[in-house]
Amino acid sequence: MVKELGFFVNHCFSSGPTTGRDFKIFAEYFERELKNQISPDYIISYKSVGHYYLCGFIKSKEGKFVYFSIPDVRFFPEEWHTNILIRTAEHEKDWTGGCNHYTSLEEFKASIDKLFQNWR
């Protein structure tokens, strides 16, 4: 895990009608961590930074996709790095995709590799 992202373990994120600066910084570090893990095998082909949550799609060189999502960090402060939703997808707008699987940030790359290997 990138050092800066470690700061957000057990962090109490700001809350309100607009997304706080702390979450925007967190989202940048989280994306950097994913890129560090998956590169050069895969790319983040689409990402969405929502109101205290993130999701996106990872694309393989063969054109296959895996969707990822982390829950709202304000209400599930430990789950952004221990309970990441991943599943296969047909394309980068396939929000329903395949069966849900969960992984940790530490196991993210290995879990993505496994999904791509077993992709329909």
N, C-alpha and C. Protein backbone atom coordinates (compact mmCIF):
# COMPACT_ATOMS: atom_id res chain seq x y z
N MET A 1 0.86 -1.18 0.00
CA MET A 1 0.00 0.00 0.00
C MET A 1 0.90 1.23 0.00
N VAL A 2 0.58 2.20 -0.87
CA VAL A 2 1.38 3.43 -0.87
C VAL A 2 1.28 4.08 0.50
N LYS A 3 2.41 4.63 0.92
CA LYS A 3 2.51 5.20 2.27
C LYS A 3 1.39 6.19 2.56
N GLU A 4 1.10 7.05 1.62
CA GLU A 4 0.08 8.08 1.85
C GLU A 4 -1.30 7.49 2.09
N LEU A 5 -1.59 6.37 1.47
CA LEU A 5 -2.90 5.74 1.64
C LEU A 5 -3.05 5.16 3.05
N GLY A 6 -1.94 4.75 3.65
CA GLY A 6 -1.96 4.22 5.00
C GLY A 6 -2.50 5.22 6.01
N PHE A 7 -2.35 6.50 5.73
CA PHE A 7 -2.87 7.54 6.61
C PHE A 7 -4.38 7.41 6.79
N PHE A 8 -5.07 6.90 5.77
CA PHE A 8 -6.53 6.85 5.78
C PHE A 8 -7.11 5.60 6.45
N VAL A 9 -6.26 4.69 6.89
CA VAL A 9 -6.75 3.55 7.68
C VAL A 9 -7.23 4.13 9.02
N ASN A 10 -8.46 3.82 9.38
CA ASN A 10 -9.11 4.34 10.59
C ASN A 10 -9.36 5.85 10.55
N HIS A 11 -9.25 6.47 9.39
CA HIS A 11 -9.50 7.91 9.28
C HIS A 11 -10.99 8.20 9.37
N CYS A 12 -11.35 9.24 10.09
CA CYS A 12 -12.73 9.69 10.19
C CYS A 12 -12.92 10.76 9.11
N PHE A 13 -13.52 10.37 7.99
CA PHE A 13 -13.69 11.28 6.86
C PHE A 13 -14.69 12.37 7.18
N SER A 14 -14.47 13.52 6.57
CA SER A 14 -15.42 14.62 6.69
C SER A 14 -16.75 14.17 6.08
N SER A 15 -17.79 14.91 6.33
CA SER A 15 -19.09 14.57 5.78
C SER A 15 -19.84 15.85 5.49
N GLY A 16 -20.78 15.79 4.59
CA GLY A 16 -21.57 16.97 4.28
C GLY A 16 -22.17 16.88 2.90
N PRO A 17 -22.80 17.95 2.45
CA PRO A 17 -23.48 17.93 1.15
C PRO A 17 -22.52 17.91 -0.03
N THR A 18 -21.27 18.32 0.18
CA THR A 18 -20.26 18.25 -0.87
C THR A 18 -19.14 17.33 -0.40
N THR A 19 -18.47 16.72 -1.34
CA THR A 19 -17.38 15.80 -1.01
C THR A 19 -16.22 16.58 -0.42
N GLY A 20 -15.68 16.09 0.69
CA GLY A 20 -14.59 16.76 1.38
C GLY A 20 -13.26 16.60 0.70
N ARG A 21 -12.37 17.52 1.00
CA ARG A 21 -11.02 17.50 0.44
C ARG A 21 -10.29 16.22 0.83
N ASP A 22 -10.52 15.73 2.05
CA ASP A 22 -9.83 14.51 2.49
C ASP A 22 -10.19 13.33 1.60
N PHE A 23 -11.47 13.23 1.18
CA PHE A 23 -11.84 12.11 0.31
C PHE A 23 -11.26 12.29 -1.09
N LYS A 24 -11.23 13.50 -1.58
CA LYS A 24 -10.65 13.74 -2.91
C LYS A 24 -9.18 13.33 -2.94
N ILE A 25 -8.46 13.65 -1.88
CA ILE A 25 -7.05 13.25 -1.78
C ILE A 25 -6.95 11.73 -1.68
N PHE A 26 -7.79 11.14 -0.83
CA PHE A 26 -7.84 9.69 -0.68
C PHE A 26 -8.07 9.02 -2.04
N ALA A 27 -9.02 9.53 -2.82
CA ALA A 27 -9.35 8.93 -4.12
C ALA A 27 -8.13 8.95 -5.05
N GLU A 28 -7.36 10.02 -5.03
CA GLU A 28 -6.14 10.09 -5.85
C GLU A 28 -5.13 9.03 -5.42
N TYR A 29 -4.93 8.90 -4.12
CA TYR A 29 -3.99 7.89 -3.61
C TYR A 29 -4.47 6.47 -3.90
N PHE A 30 -5.78 6.25 -3.77
CA PHE A 30 -6.35 4.93 -4.03
C PHE A 30 -6.12 4.55 -5.49
N GLU A 31 -6.39 5.47 -6.40
CA GLU A 31 -6.17 5.19 -7.82
C GLU A 31 -4.69 4.92 -8.08
N ARG A 32 -3.82 5.68 -7.48
CA ARG A 32 -2.38 5.47 -7.65
C ARG A 32 -1.99 4.06 -7.18
N GLU A 33 -2.55 3.63 -6.05
CA GLU A 33 -2.26 2.30 -5.54
C GLU A 33 -2.73 1.22 -6.52
N LEU A 34 -3.94 1.37 -7.05
CA LEU A 34 -4.43 0.38 -8.01
C LEU A 34 -3.55 0.35 -9.25
N LYS A 35 -3.19 1.51 -9.76
CA LYS A 35 -2.32 1.56 -10.95
C LYS A 35 -0.98 0.89 -10.67
N ASN A 36 -0.41 1.13 -9.49
CA ASN A 36 0.87 0.51 -9.13
C ASN A 36 0.74 -1.01 -9.10
N GLN A 37 -0.38 -1.50 -8.61
CA GLN A 37 -0.56 -2.94 -8.50
C GLN A 37 -0.81 -3.60 -9.85
N ILE A 38 -1.64 -3.02 -10.68
CA ILE A 38 -2.09 -3.72 -11.90
C ILE A 38 -1.22 -3.47 -13.12
N SER A 39 -0.43 -2.43 -13.11
CA SER A 39 0.40 -2.08 -14.26
C SER A 39 1.58 -3.05 -14.34
N PRO A 40 2.02 -3.49 -15.47
CA PRO A 40 1.62 -3.16 -16.84
C PRO A 40 0.58 -4.12 -17.43
N ASP A 41 0.08 -5.07 -16.62
CA ASP A 41 -0.84 -6.08 -17.14
C ASP A 41 -2.20 -5.54 -17.53
N TYR A 42 -2.69 -4.55 -16.78
CA TYR A 42 -4.04 -4.03 -16.98
C TYR A 42 -4.02 -2.51 -16.86
N ILE A 43 -5.14 -1.90 -17.27
CA ILE A 43 -5.30 -0.46 -17.10
C ILE A 43 -6.65 -0.17 -16.44
N ILE A 44 -6.73 0.97 -15.78
CA ILE A 44 -8.03 1.44 -15.30
C ILE A 44 -8.65 2.16 -16.49
N SER A 45 -9.70 1.55 -17.06
CA SER A 45 -10.28 2.12 -18.27
C SER A 45 -11.37 3.14 -17.97
N TYR A 46 -11.91 3.09 -16.75
CA TYR A 46 -12.94 4.04 -16.35
C TYR A 46 -12.97 4.07 -14.84
N LYS A 47 -13.11 5.25 -14.27
CA LYS A 47 -13.30 5.35 -12.83
C LYS A 47 -14.29 6.45 -12.54
N SER A 48 -14.99 6.29 -11.44
CA SER A 48 -15.94 7.28 -10.99
C SER A 48 -15.69 7.54 -9.51
N VAL A 49 -15.48 8.80 -9.20
CA VAL A 49 -15.32 9.20 -7.81
C VAL A 49 -16.63 9.84 -7.41
N GLY A 50 -17.38 9.14 -6.58
CA GLY A 50 -18.69 9.63 -6.16
C GLY A 50 -18.61 10.38 -4.85
N HIS A 51 -19.75 10.49 -4.22
CA HIS A 51 -19.84 11.18 -2.94
C HIS A 51 -19.40 10.21 -1.84
N TYR A 52 -18.08 10.12 -1.64
CA TYR A 52 -17.45 9.27 -0.63
C TYR A 52 -17.42 7.79 -1.00
N TYR A 53 -17.48 7.48 -2.28
CA TYR A 53 -17.26 6.10 -2.73
C TYR A 53 -16.54 6.15 -4.06
N LEU A 54 -15.97 5.03 -4.48
CA LEU A 54 -15.29 4.94 -5.78
C LEU A 54 -15.71 3.67 -6.47
N CYS A 55 -15.68 3.70 -7.78
CA CYS A 55 -15.87 2.49 -8.55
C CYS A 55 -15.19 2.68 -9.90
N GLY A 56 -15.05 1.61 -10.62
CA GLY A 56 -14.42 1.72 -11.93
C GLY A 56 -14.28 0.37 -12.59
N PHE A 57 -13.59 0.39 -13.73
CA PHE A 57 -13.38 -0.82 -14.52
C PHE A 57 -11.91 -0.96 -14.86
N ILE A 58 -11.45 -2.18 -14.79
CA ILE A 58 -10.08 -2.52 -15.15
C ILE A 58 -10.16 -3.33 -16.43
N LYS A 59 -9.30 -3.00 -17.38
CA LYS A 59 -9.33 -3.66 -18.69
C LYS A 59 -8.04 -4.44 -18.91
N SER A 60 -8.20 -5.66 -19.42
CA SER A 60 -7.05 -6.49 -19.76
C SER A 60 -6.61 -6.16 -21.19
N LYS A 61 -5.44 -6.65 -21.55
CA LYS A 61 -4.95 -6.46 -22.93
C LYS A 61 -5.83 -7.17 -23.94
N GLU A 62 -6.57 -8.18 -23.49
CA GLU A 62 -7.47 -8.93 -24.37
C GLU A 62 -8.84 -8.27 -24.51
N GLY A 63 -9.05 -7.15 -23.82
CA GLY A 63 -10.32 -6.44 -23.92
C GLY A 63 -11.38 -6.94 -22.96
N LYS A 64 -10.98 -7.68 -21.93
CA LYS A 64 -11.92 -8.13 -20.90
C LYS A 64 -11.95 -7.09 -19.79
N PHE A 65 -13.06 -7.07 -19.04
CA PHE A 65 -13.24 -6.06 -18.00
C PHE A 65 -13.56 -6.67 -16.64
N VAL A 66 -13.10 -5.99 -15.60
CA VAL A 66 -13.47 -6.30 -14.23
C VAL A 66 -13.90 -4.99 -13.58
N TYR A 67 -15.04 -5.03 -12.91
CA TYR A 67 -15.58 -3.88 -12.18
C TYR A 67 -15.07 -3.94 -10.76
N PHE A 68 -14.77 -2.78 -10.17
CA PHE A 68 -14.41 -2.71 -8.75
C PHE A 68 -15.18 -1.58 -8.08
N SER A 69 -15.40 -1.72 -6.78
CA SER A 69 -16.13 -0.70 -6.04
C SER A 69 -15.76 -0.78 -4.57
N ILE A 70 -15.64 0.38 -3.93
CA ILE A 70 -15.48 0.41 -2.49
C ILE A 70 -16.69 1.12 -1.90
N PRO A 71 -17.11 0.71 -0.71
CA PRO A 71 -18.29 1.31 -0.09
C PRO A 71 -18.00 2.71 0.44
N ASP A 72 -19.03 3.40 0.82
CA ASP A 72 -18.93 4.74 1.39
C ASP A 72 -17.97 4.72 2.58
N VAL A 73 -16.87 5.44 2.47
CA VAL A 73 -15.82 5.41 3.49
C VAL A 73 -16.25 6.04 4.81
N ARG A 74 -17.29 6.85 4.81
CA ARG A 74 -17.76 7.46 6.06
C ARG A 74 -18.46 6.46 6.95
N PHE A 75 -19.21 5.55 6.34
CA PHE A 75 -20.01 4.60 7.10
C PHE A 75 -19.34 3.24 7.25
N PHE A 76 -18.37 2.96 6.39
CA PHE A 76 -17.64 1.69 6.42
C PHE A 76 -16.15 2.00 6.37
N PRO A 77 -15.60 2.63 7.41
CA PRO A 77 -14.23 3.13 7.37
C PRO A 77 -13.15 2.06 7.22
N GLU A 78 -13.42 0.84 7.61
CA GLU A 78 -12.42 -0.22 7.48
C GLU A 78 -12.55 -1.00 6.18
N GLU A 79 -13.67 -0.87 5.51
CA GLU A 79 -13.93 -1.73 4.36
C GLU A 79 -13.31 -1.27 3.05
N TRP A 80 -12.84 -0.04 2.96
CA TRP A 80 -12.24 0.41 1.70
C TRP A 80 -10.98 -0.38 1.36
N HIS A 81 -10.34 -0.97 2.35
CA HIS A 81 -9.13 -1.74 2.06
C HIS A 81 -9.26 -3.22 2.40
N THR A 82 -10.38 -3.62 3.01
CA THR A 82 -10.56 -5.03 3.37
C THR A 82 -11.71 -5.71 2.65
N ASN A 83 -12.59 -4.94 2.00
CA ASN A 83 -13.80 -5.51 1.42
C ASN A 83 -14.14 -4.81 0.10
N ILE A 84 -13.28 -4.97 -0.87
CA ILE A 84 -13.46 -4.34 -2.19
C ILE A 84 -14.26 -5.30 -3.07
N LEU A 85 -15.37 -4.80 -3.60
CA LEU A 85 -16.20 -5.60 -4.50
C LEU A 85 -15.52 -5.65 -5.87
N ILE A 86 -15.43 -6.86 -6.44
CA ILE A 86 -14.94 -7.04 -7.81
C ILE A 86 -15.83 -8.05 -8.51
N ARG A 87 -15.98 -7.90 -9.82
CA ARG A 87 -16.73 -8.87 -10.62
C ARG A 87 -16.41 -8.66 -12.09
N THR A 88 -16.62 -9.68 -12.89
CA THR A 88 -16.40 -9.55 -14.33
C THR A 88 -17.47 -8.64 -14.92
N ALA A 89 -17.14 -8.07 -16.07
CA ALA A 89 -18.08 -7.19 -16.76
C ALA A 89 -17.89 -7.35 -18.27
N GLU A 90 -18.93 -7.11 -19.01
CA GLU A 90 -18.87 -7.22 -20.47
C GLU A 90 -18.19 -6.01 -21.11
N HIS A 91 -18.32 -4.86 -20.48
CA HIS A 91 -17.75 -3.61 -21.00
C HIS A 91 -17.67 -2.62 -19.86
N GLU A 92 -17.15 -1.44 -20.12
CA GLU A 92 -16.93 -0.48 -19.03
C GLU A 92 -18.16 0.33 -18.63
N LYS A 93 -19.31 -0.10 -19.02
CA LYS A 93 -20.56 0.48 -18.53
C LYS A 93 -21.51 -0.62 -18.05
N ASP A 94 -20.95 -1.82 -17.84
CA ASP A 94 -21.73 -2.97 -17.38
C ASP A 94 -21.78 -2.94 -15.85
N TRP A 95 -22.79 -2.28 -15.32
CA TRP A 95 -22.89 -2.10 -13.87
C TRP A 95 -23.42 -3.33 -13.15
N THR A 96 -23.98 -4.31 -13.87
CA THR A 96 -24.51 -5.49 -13.22
C THR A 96 -23.53 -6.65 -13.27
N GLY A 97 -22.86 -6.88 -14.36
CA GLY A 97 -21.77 -7.83 -14.49
C GLY A 97 -22.02 -9.23 -13.98
N GLY A 98 -20.90 -9.90 -13.66
CA GLY A 98 -20.94 -11.28 -13.19
C GLY A 98 -21.17 -11.36 -11.69
N CYS A 99 -20.81 -12.50 -11.13
CA CYS A 99 -21.00 -12.75 -9.69
C CYS A 99 -20.08 -11.86 -8.86
N ASN A 100 -20.59 -11.43 -7.73
CA ASN A 100 -19.81 -10.60 -6.82
C ASN A 100 -18.74 -11.42 -6.11
N HIS A 101 -17.57 -10.82 -6.00
CA HIS A 101 -16.46 -11.36 -5.22
C HIS A 101 -15.92 -10.21 -4.40
N TYR A 102 -15.25 -10.53 -3.31
CA TYR A 102 -14.67 -9.48 -2.48
C TYR A 102 -13.21 -9.79 -2.23
N THR A 103 -12.42 -8.73 -2.16
CA THR A 103 -10.99 -8.87 -1.93
C THR A 103 -10.49 -7.72 -1.07
N SER A 104 -9.27 -7.84 -0.63
CA SER A 104 -8.63 -6.76 0.12
C SER A 104 -7.72 -5.99 -0.82
N LEU A 105 -7.30 -4.83 -0.40
CA LEU A 105 -6.37 -4.04 -1.21
C LEU A 105 -5.06 -4.80 -1.39
N GLU A 106 -4.62 -5.51 -0.37
CA GLU A 106 -3.38 -6.26 -0.45
C GLU A 106 -3.47 -7.41 -1.45
N GLU A 107 -4.64 -7.99 -1.61
CA GLU A 107 -4.84 -9.12 -2.52
C GLU A 107 -5.48 -8.71 -3.85
N PHE A 108 -5.61 -7.41 -4.08
CA PHE A 108 -6.35 -6.91 -5.24
C PHE A 108 -5.82 -7.49 -6.56
N LYS A 109 -4.55 -7.36 -6.82
CA LYS A 109 -3.97 -7.82 -8.09
C LYS A 109 -4.17 -9.32 -8.27
N ALA A 110 -3.90 -10.11 -7.24
CA ALA A 110 -4.08 -11.57 -7.34
C ALA A 110 -5.54 -11.93 -7.61
N SER A 111 -6.45 -11.20 -6.98
CA SER A 111 -7.88 -11.47 -7.18
C SER A 111 -8.33 -11.08 -8.59
N ILE A 112 -7.81 -9.97 -9.08
CA ILE A 112 -8.13 -9.55 -10.45
C ILE A 112 -7.57 -10.57 -11.45
N ASP A 113 -6.33 -11.00 -11.23
CA ASP A 113 -5.73 -12.03 -12.10
C ASP A 113 -6.63 -13.26 -12.17
N LYS A 114 -7.12 -13.69 -11.02
CA LYS A 114 -7.96 -14.89 -10.97
C LYS A 114 -9.27 -14.68 -11.74
N LEU A 115 -9.89 -13.51 -11.57
CA LEU A 115 -11.12 -13.24 -12.32
C LEU A 115 -10.88 -13.22 -13.82
N PHE A 116 -9.79 -12.59 -14.25
CA PHE A 116 -9.49 -12.56 -15.68
C PHE A 116 -9.19 -13.95 -16.22
N GLN A 117 -8.52 -14.79 -15.45
CA GLN A 117 -8.20 -16.16 -15.88
C GLN A 117 -9.47 -16.98 -16.03
N ASN A 118 -10.44 -16.76 -15.15
CA ASN A 118 -11.69 -17.53 -15.17
C ASN A 118 -12.82 -16.81 -15.88
N TRP A 119 -12.51 -15.71 -16.57
CA TRP A 119 -13.52 -14.88 -17.23
C TRP A 119 -14.23 -15.71 -18.28
N ARG A 120 -15.52 -15.56 -18.35
CA ARG A 120 -16.36 -16.37 -19.27
C ARG A 120 -15.83 -16.35 -20.65
